[in-house]
Amino acid sequence: MIRRFVCLIALCTVSLAVDDPSQPSLTIYNQNFAVVRQELPLELKSGVNSIRVTDITMHLEPDSVILRDPSGKQFVQVLEQNYRADPVSESLLLSLSEGKTIDFLVQRENKQEIVPGKIIRSGYVPHDLMAMRQFGAEYYQAQMAQRGAEQPIVEVEGKLRFGLPGTPLFPALGNDTVLKPTLQWLLSTRTPGPLRAEFSYVTGGLTWAADYNIVAPEKGNAVDIVGWVTMDNQSGKRFQNARIKLMAGDVNKIQPEQMYDRAQALGIGGGIGGGVMTPPVTERTFDEYHLYTLAHSATLDDRETKQVEFIRAGNVSTAQI
């Protein structure tokens, strides 16, 4: 039985070994969240600085963000932090045009025509961070997909129709338009110059699991076992050449809102395959938790499922399984 343990996830980033500060560091928990740590080069002036960062995930938790000087030599104060996670899209622009009439490019026979249409309903589903954190990313995304099935309603020539009559033509975008999830800070410092800051946060959309394949012969009780670590990245961000650690255990995050308790512990049995080569995954055990470290850096693309072999054992007696 695995006991439940409460910890402050942000502190986990401090204990990770740093091999190359320019490499992103990723600690993935088997509960659909991860801790991201990366270097953030800044060029600061004395006084107040406006900083805009877009190299972040779509499921970043703003209250988990930590920005600091790892050397401890330069004091930087965050006066203000703003997080926008609804990048511009067709449905978002339609929602901004609800109740208004815009032009649509319509293909009729062998020619294109401009047809005006009034947006009655856009079908847009806004990003709801608190709902995602309360019910979990998978549940939230399923609900959003169901709501997103609602079609826009457009009034054309005095009649209502479901769906768009053609390609919508929107006015030019403003300067405050967000094309990617964005963090914007107002930072204050008395020391001008370059700063290689450390930027860390908790995010959803990342998870991992262990999968095992067993090959049994027609006769005898000896089998071959191959174990895979499977990592799934649905965070909206690509992690290039990242140092990756995997945490197994039932961990509760301290949050201002009560979270729906849907996490299940994942126990991984067995040891790491032997041999003279360095194992691709090493394990550290503390209390009732297991921390696995990938021996080599890996790139996790967005919407990618990556597998790394971590156990290969031959001629194992079934009595030992």
Protein backbone atom coordinates (compact mmCIF):
# COMPACT_ATOMS: atom_id res chain seq x y z
CA MET A 1 0.00 0.00 0.00
CA ILE A 2 1.42 3.36 -1.00
CA ARG A 3 0.84 6.18 1.45
CA ARG A 4 -0.30 9.56 0.22
CA PHE A 5 2.23 12.31 0.65
CA VAL A 6 1.87 16.07 0.43
CA CYS A 7 4.78 18.05 -0.99
CA LEU A 8 5.50 21.40 -2.56
CA ILE A 9 6.28 20.47 -6.16
CA ALA A 10 8.24 23.63 -6.88
CA LEU A 11 10.90 22.58 -4.38
CA CYS A 12 11.60 19.47 -6.42
CA THR A 13 13.36 21.57 -9.05
CA VAL A 14 16.02 22.64 -6.55
CA SER A 15 17.22 19.11 -5.89
CA LEU A 16 17.89 18.21 -9.53
CA ALA A 17 21.51 17.95 -10.59
CA VAL A 18 22.56 20.42 -13.28
CA ASP A 19 24.85 19.08 -16.01
CA ASP A 20 24.36 21.83 -18.59
CA PRO A 21 22.33 24.89 -17.58
CA SER A 22 21.28 25.50 -21.20
CA GLN A 23 19.49 22.14 -21.34
CA PRO A 24 15.85 22.05 -20.22
CA SER A 25 15.17 19.77 -17.26
CA LEU A 26 11.94 17.79 -17.06
CA THR A 27 10.59 15.79 -14.11
CA ILE A 28 7.46 13.90 -15.19
CA TYR A 29 5.06 12.51 -12.59
CA ASN A 30 2.74 9.62 -13.38
CA GLN A 31 -0.27 11.83 -12.60
CA ASN A 32 -0.44 13.94 -15.76
CA PHE A 33 1.82 16.79 -14.68
CA ALA A 34 5.49 17.68 -14.73
CA VAL A 35 8.01 20.18 -13.39
CA VAL A 36 9.86 22.12 -16.10
CA ARG A 37 13.11 23.98 -15.52
CA GLN A 38 14.97 25.89 -18.22
CA GLU A 39 17.49 28.66 -18.66
CA LEU A 40 16.11 32.06 -19.64
CA PRO A 41 18.68 34.60 -20.91
CA LEU A 42 17.61 38.15 -20.05
CA GLU A 43 19.05 41.56 -20.87
CA LEU A 44 17.92 43.88 -18.07
CA LYS A 45 18.15 47.59 -17.54
CA SER A 46 18.16 49.34 -14.18
CA GLY A 47 14.59 49.89 -13.03
CA VAL A 48 11.46 48.26 -14.45
CA ASN A 49 11.70 45.83 -17.40
CA SER A 50 8.86 44.37 -19.49
CA ILE A 51 9.64 40.74 -20.42
CA ARG A 52 7.54 38.53 -22.71
CA VAL A 53 8.06 34.75 -22.83
CA THR A 54 6.33 32.39 -25.29
CA ASP A 55 8.49 29.26 -24.96
CA ILE A 56 6.07 27.67 -22.48
CA THR A 57 3.40 24.96 -22.40
CA MET A 58 -0.34 25.40 -22.92
CA HIS A 59 -1.04 23.97 -19.44
CA LEU A 60 1.37 26.02 -17.34
CA GLU A 61 0.16 26.71 -13.77
CA PRO A 62 0.89 30.43 -13.22
CA ASP A 63 1.06 30.22 -9.42
CA SER A 64 3.90 27.68 -9.68
CA VAL A 65 6.25 29.95 -11.67
CA ILE A 66 9.68 30.64 -10.16
CA LEU A 67 12.16 33.06 -11.75
CA ARG A 68 15.52 33.48 -10.04
CA ASP A 69 19.24 34.04 -10.48
CA PRO A 70 20.81 30.59 -9.80
CA SER A 71 24.08 32.26 -8.82
CA GLY A 72 22.30 34.34 -6.19
CA LYS A 73 24.28 37.44 -7.18
CA GLN A 74 21.53 39.52 -8.78
CA PHE A 75 18.23 40.38 -7.09
CA VAL A 76 15.25 40.50 -9.46
CA GLN A 77 11.77 41.33 -8.21
CA VAL A 78 8.66 40.27 -10.14
CA LEU A 79 6.31 43.23 -9.85
CA GLU A 80 3.61 41.75 -12.06
CA GLN A 81 2.94 38.51 -13.93
CA ASN A 82 0.33 38.00 -16.65
CA TYR A 83 -0.48 34.67 -18.30
CA ARG A 84 -2.49 34.34 -21.51
CA ALA A 85 -3.19 30.84 -22.77
CA ASP A 86 -5.77 31.39 -25.53
CA PRO A 87 -3.77 31.88 -28.74
CA VAL A 88 -5.61 33.42 -31.66
CA SER A 89 -7.67 30.96 -33.71
CA GLU A 90 -10.59 31.09 -36.10
CA SER A 91 -13.10 30.24 -33.35
CA LEU A 92 -11.61 32.88 -31.01
CA LEU A 93 -11.87 35.58 -33.68
CA LEU A 94 -15.44 34.45 -34.39
CA SER A 95 -16.25 34.84 -30.69
CA LEU A 96 -14.89 38.39 -30.74
CA SER A 97 -17.23 39.06 -33.68
CA GLU A 98 -20.41 37.66 -32.07
CA GLY A 99 -23.30 40.01 -32.77
CA LYS A 100 -21.34 41.62 -35.61
CA THR A 101 -21.44 41.20 -39.37
CA ILE A 102 -18.27 40.12 -41.18
CA ASP A 103 -17.47 39.09 -44.75
CA PHE A 104 -17.15 35.50 -45.94
CA LEU A 105 -15.36 34.35 -49.09
CA VAL A 106 -17.76 31.91 -50.79
CA GLN A 107 -17.04 29.70 -53.82
CA ARG A 108 -20.04 29.64 -56.15
CA GLU A 109 -19.81 27.75 -59.44
CA ASN A 110 -16.65 29.06 -61.13
CA LYS A 111 -16.25 32.29 -59.20
CA GLN A 112 -15.69 33.56 -55.66
CA GLU A 113 -18.06 36.01 -54.00
CA ILE A 114 -17.99 38.08 -50.81
CA VAL A 115 -21.07 37.37 -48.69
CA PRO A 116 -21.82 39.24 -45.44
CA GLY A 117 -22.94 37.20 -42.45
CA LYS A 118 -23.85 38.03 -38.85
CA ILE A 119 -22.20 35.84 -36.19
CA ILE A 120 -24.97 34.63 -33.88
CA ARG A 121 -22.91 31.94 -32.12
CA SER A 122 -19.21 31.28 -32.62
CA GLY A 123 -18.91 27.80 -31.07
CA TYR A 124 -15.79 28.99 -29.25
CA VAL A 125 -14.78 27.19 -26.02
CA PRO A 126 -12.56 29.36 -23.78
CA HIS A 127 -9.53 28.00 -21.93
CA ASP A 128 -10.45 27.38 -18.28
CA LEU A 129 -7.32 26.85 -16.19
CA MET A 130 -9.10 26.37 -12.86
CA ALA A 131 -11.47 23.74 -14.30
CA MET A 132 -8.52 21.84 -15.77
CA ARG A 133 -6.69 21.88 -12.43
CA GLN A 134 -9.79 20.90 -10.46
CA PHE A 135 -10.91 17.97 -12.58
CA GLY A 136 -7.69 16.99 -14.35
CA ALA A 137 -6.46 17.70 -17.86
CA GLU A 138 -7.89 14.53 -19.47
CA TYR A 139 -11.41 15.10 -18.10
CA TYR A 140 -11.26 18.80 -18.98
CA GLN A 141 -10.08 18.13 -22.55
CA ALA A 142 -12.88 15.58 -23.05
CA GLN A 143 -15.46 18.12 -21.89
CA MET A 144 -13.98 20.79 -24.13
CA ALA A 145 -14.07 18.43 -27.12
CA GLN A 146 -17.73 17.72 -26.43
CA ARG A 147 -18.57 21.42 -26.15
CA GLY A 148 -16.43 22.18 -29.17
CA ALA A 149 -18.76 20.01 -31.26
CA GLU A 150 -21.26 22.89 -31.21
CA GLN A 151 -21.34 24.48 -34.64
CA PRO A 152 -21.28 28.22 -35.26
CA ILE A 153 -24.59 29.87 -36.18
CA VAL A 154 -24.45 32.56 -38.86
CA GLU A 155 -27.27 34.70 -40.22
CA VAL A 156 -26.99 35.05 -44.02
CA GLU A 157 -29.56 36.97 -46.08
CA GLY A 158 -32.05 36.91 -43.20
CA LYS A 159 -31.79 33.16 -42.57
CA LEU A 160 -29.91 31.22 -39.88
CA ARG A 161 -27.52 28.46 -40.83
CA PHE A 162 -25.32 26.07 -38.86
CA GLY A 163 -21.70 26.22 -39.93
CA LEU A 164 -19.82 28.89 -41.80
CA PRO A 165 -20.98 29.90 -45.29
CA GLY A 166 -17.38 30.28 -46.43
CA THR A 167 -13.95 31.42 -45.33
CA PRO A 168 -14.28 34.21 -42.75
CA LEU A 169 -12.43 37.46 -43.48
CA PHE A 170 -11.40 39.20 -40.24
CA PRO A 171 -10.03 42.71 -39.66
CA ALA A 172 -6.30 43.11 -39.05
CA LEU A 173 -4.97 41.82 -35.71
CA GLY A 174 -4.11 44.24 -32.92
CA ASN A 175 -0.72 44.57 -31.26
CA ASP A 176 -1.94 42.70 -28.17
CA THR A 177 -2.90 39.56 -30.11
CA VAL A 178 -1.51 36.33 -28.62
CA LEU A 179 -0.31 33.79 -31.18
CA LYS A 180 1.15 31.40 -28.58
CA PRO A 181 0.66 30.91 -24.81
CA THR A 182 2.43 33.87 -23.26
CA LEU A 183 3.87 34.94 -19.90
CA GLN A 184 4.54 38.63 -19.44
CA TRP A 185 6.46 40.05 -16.47
CA LEU A 186 7.29 43.43 -15.08
CA LEU A 187 10.70 42.88 -13.47
CA SER A 188 12.58 45.31 -11.26
CA THR A 189 16.33 45.25 -10.71
CA ARG A 190 19.04 47.70 -9.67
CA THR A 191 21.77 45.88 -11.58
CA PRO A 192 21.64 46.29 -15.38
CA GLY A 193 23.17 43.82 -17.80
CA PRO A 194 22.75 40.21 -18.97
CA LEU A 195 21.28 37.59 -16.64
CA ARG A 196 21.10 33.83 -17.22
CA ALA A 197 17.98 33.35 -15.13
CA GLU A 198 16.45 30.02 -14.12
CA PHE A 199 12.77 29.66 -15.01
CA SER A 200 10.69 26.79 -13.61
CA TYR A 201 7.00 25.90 -13.40
CA VAL A 202 4.48 23.07 -13.02
CA THR A 203 2.50 22.04 -16.10
CA GLY A 204 -0.14 19.54 -17.10
CA GLY A 205 -0.21 17.58 -20.34
CA LEU A 206 2.78 15.31 -19.57
CA THR A 207 2.65 11.81 -18.17
CA TRP A 208 4.48 8.49 -18.26
CA ALA A 209 3.87 4.79 -17.63
CA ALA A 210 5.74 1.49 -17.67
CA ASP A 211 4.87 -1.20 -20.23
CA TYR A 212 6.14 -4.78 -20.23
CA ASN A 213 6.34 -7.41 -22.99
CA ILE A 214 6.83 -11.07 -22.13
CA VAL A 215 7.92 -13.62 -24.76
CA ALA A 216 7.18 -17.21 -23.75
CA PRO A 217 8.50 -20.33 -25.56
CA GLU A 218 6.28 -23.21 -26.61
CA LYS A 219 7.90 -25.41 -23.97
CA GLY A 220 9.51 -24.67 -20.64
CA ASN A 221 8.89 -22.02 -18.02
CA ALA A 222 11.66 -19.55 -18.96
CA VAL A 223 10.57 -16.28 -20.59
CA ASP A 224 12.16 -13.11 -21.97
CA ILE A 225 11.05 -9.77 -20.53
CA VAL A 226 11.33 -6.35 -22.16
CA GLY A 227 10.22 -3.23 -20.28
CA TRP A 228 9.52 0.18 -21.80
CA VAL A 229 9.09 3.62 -20.30
CA THR A 230 6.35 5.35 -22.30
CA MET A 231 6.22 9.17 -22.13
CA ASP A 232 3.33 11.16 -23.59
CA ASN A 233 3.66 14.88 -24.35
CA GLN A 234 0.37 16.76 -24.89
CA SER A 235 1.62 20.00 -23.36
CA GLY A 236 1.78 22.16 -26.49
CA LYS A 237 5.56 22.57 -26.26
CA ARG A 238 8.58 20.77 -27.70
CA PHE A 239 11.35 19.88 -25.24
CA GLN A 240 14.62 19.63 -27.15
CA ASN A 241 17.57 17.67 -25.77
CA ALA A 242 16.04 17.59 -22.30
CA ARG A 243 17.30 15.90 -19.15
CA ILE A 244 14.36 13.73 -18.11
CA LYS A 245 13.48 12.25 -14.73
CA LEU A 246 10.39 10.14 -14.00
CA MET A 247 8.70 10.03 -10.60
CA ALA A 248 6.49 7.12 -9.52
CA GLY A 249 4.30 7.43 -6.43
CA ASP A 250 1.08 9.06 -5.23
CA VAL A 251 2.04 12.73 -4.86
CA ASN A 252 -0.45 15.44 -3.92
CA LYS A 253 0.24 18.97 -5.07
CA ILE A 254 -0.43 21.83 -2.67
CA GLN A 255 -2.92 24.09 -4.44
CA PRO A 256 -5.17 27.01 -3.52
CA GLU A 257 -8.15 25.12 -4.92
CA GLN A 258 -9.22 21.65 -3.83
CA MET A 259 -8.31 19.25 -6.62
CA TYR A 260 -10.38 16.29 -7.69
CA ASP A 261 -8.49 13.29 -6.36
CA ARG A 262 -8.07 11.10 -9.41
CA ALA A 263 -4.41 10.05 -9.21
CA GLN A 264 -3.40 6.42 -8.89
CA ALA A 265 -0.03 5.15 -7.75
CA LEU A 266 2.14 3.29 -10.25
CA GLY A 267 4.53 0.75 -8.72
CA ILE A 268 7.34 -0.51 -10.93
CA GLY A 269 8.75 -3.85 -9.95
CA GLY A 270 11.99 -5.50 -10.90
CA GLY A 271 15.45 -4.10 -11.28
CA ILE A 272 17.32 -2.59 -14.15
CA GLY A 273 18.74 -4.99 -16.71
CA GLY A 274 22.34 -5.95 -16.09
CA GLY A 275 25.31 -6.07 -18.42
CA VAL A 276 28.47 -4.11 -18.91
CA MET A 277 26.76 -1.18 -20.68
CA THR A 278 25.37 1.79 -18.77
CA PRO A 279 21.61 1.22 -18.25
CA PRO A 280 19.40 3.64 -20.17
CA VAL A 281 17.38 4.31 -17.01
CA THR A 282 18.62 4.38 -13.41
CA GLU A 283 16.46 4.20 -10.30
CA ARG A 284 16.61 5.93 -6.93
CA THR A 285 14.23 4.93 -4.15
CA PHE A 286 13.29 7.13 -1.21
CA ASP A 287 10.49 6.46 1.26
CA GLU A 288 7.82 4.86 -0.97
CA TYR A 289 8.67 6.75 -4.15
CA HIS A 290 10.87 5.87 -7.10
CA LEU A 291 12.82 8.40 -9.18
CA TYR A 292 14.03 7.13 -12.56
CA THR A 293 16.63 9.05 -14.56
CA LEU A 294 17.18 8.61 -18.30
CA ALA A 295 20.90 8.13 -18.94
CA HIS A 296 20.81 10.16 -22.15
CA SER A 297 19.07 13.42 -23.02
CA ALA A 298 15.99 13.07 -25.19
CA THR A 299 13.79 15.30 -27.33
CA LEU A 300 10.04 15.18 -26.63
CA ASP A 301 8.03 16.68 -29.47
CA ASP A 302 4.56 18.04 -28.83
CA ARG A 303 1.83 15.39 -29.32
CA GLU A 304 4.50 12.71 -29.30
CA THR A 305 4.60 9.39 -27.48
CA LYS A 306 8.19 8.29 -26.88
CA GLN A 307 9.38 4.93 -25.56
CA VAL A 308 12.70 4.09 -23.93
CA GLU A 309 13.72 0.53 -23.10
CA PHE A 310 14.67 0.15 -19.45
CA ILE A 311 14.52 -3.59 -18.76
CA ARG A 312 15.70 -6.52 -20.90
CA ALA A 313 16.06 -9.86 -19.20
CA GLY A 314 16.32 -13.29 -20.82
CA ASN A 315 15.68 -16.79 -19.58
CA VAL A 316 13.68 -15.65 -16.54
CA SER A 317 11.84 -18.36 -14.68
CA THR A 318 8.09 -17.74 -14.47
CA ALA A 319 8.30 -18.69 -10.81
CA GLN A 320 10.26 -15.44 -10.26
CA ILE A 321 7.64 -13.19 -11.82
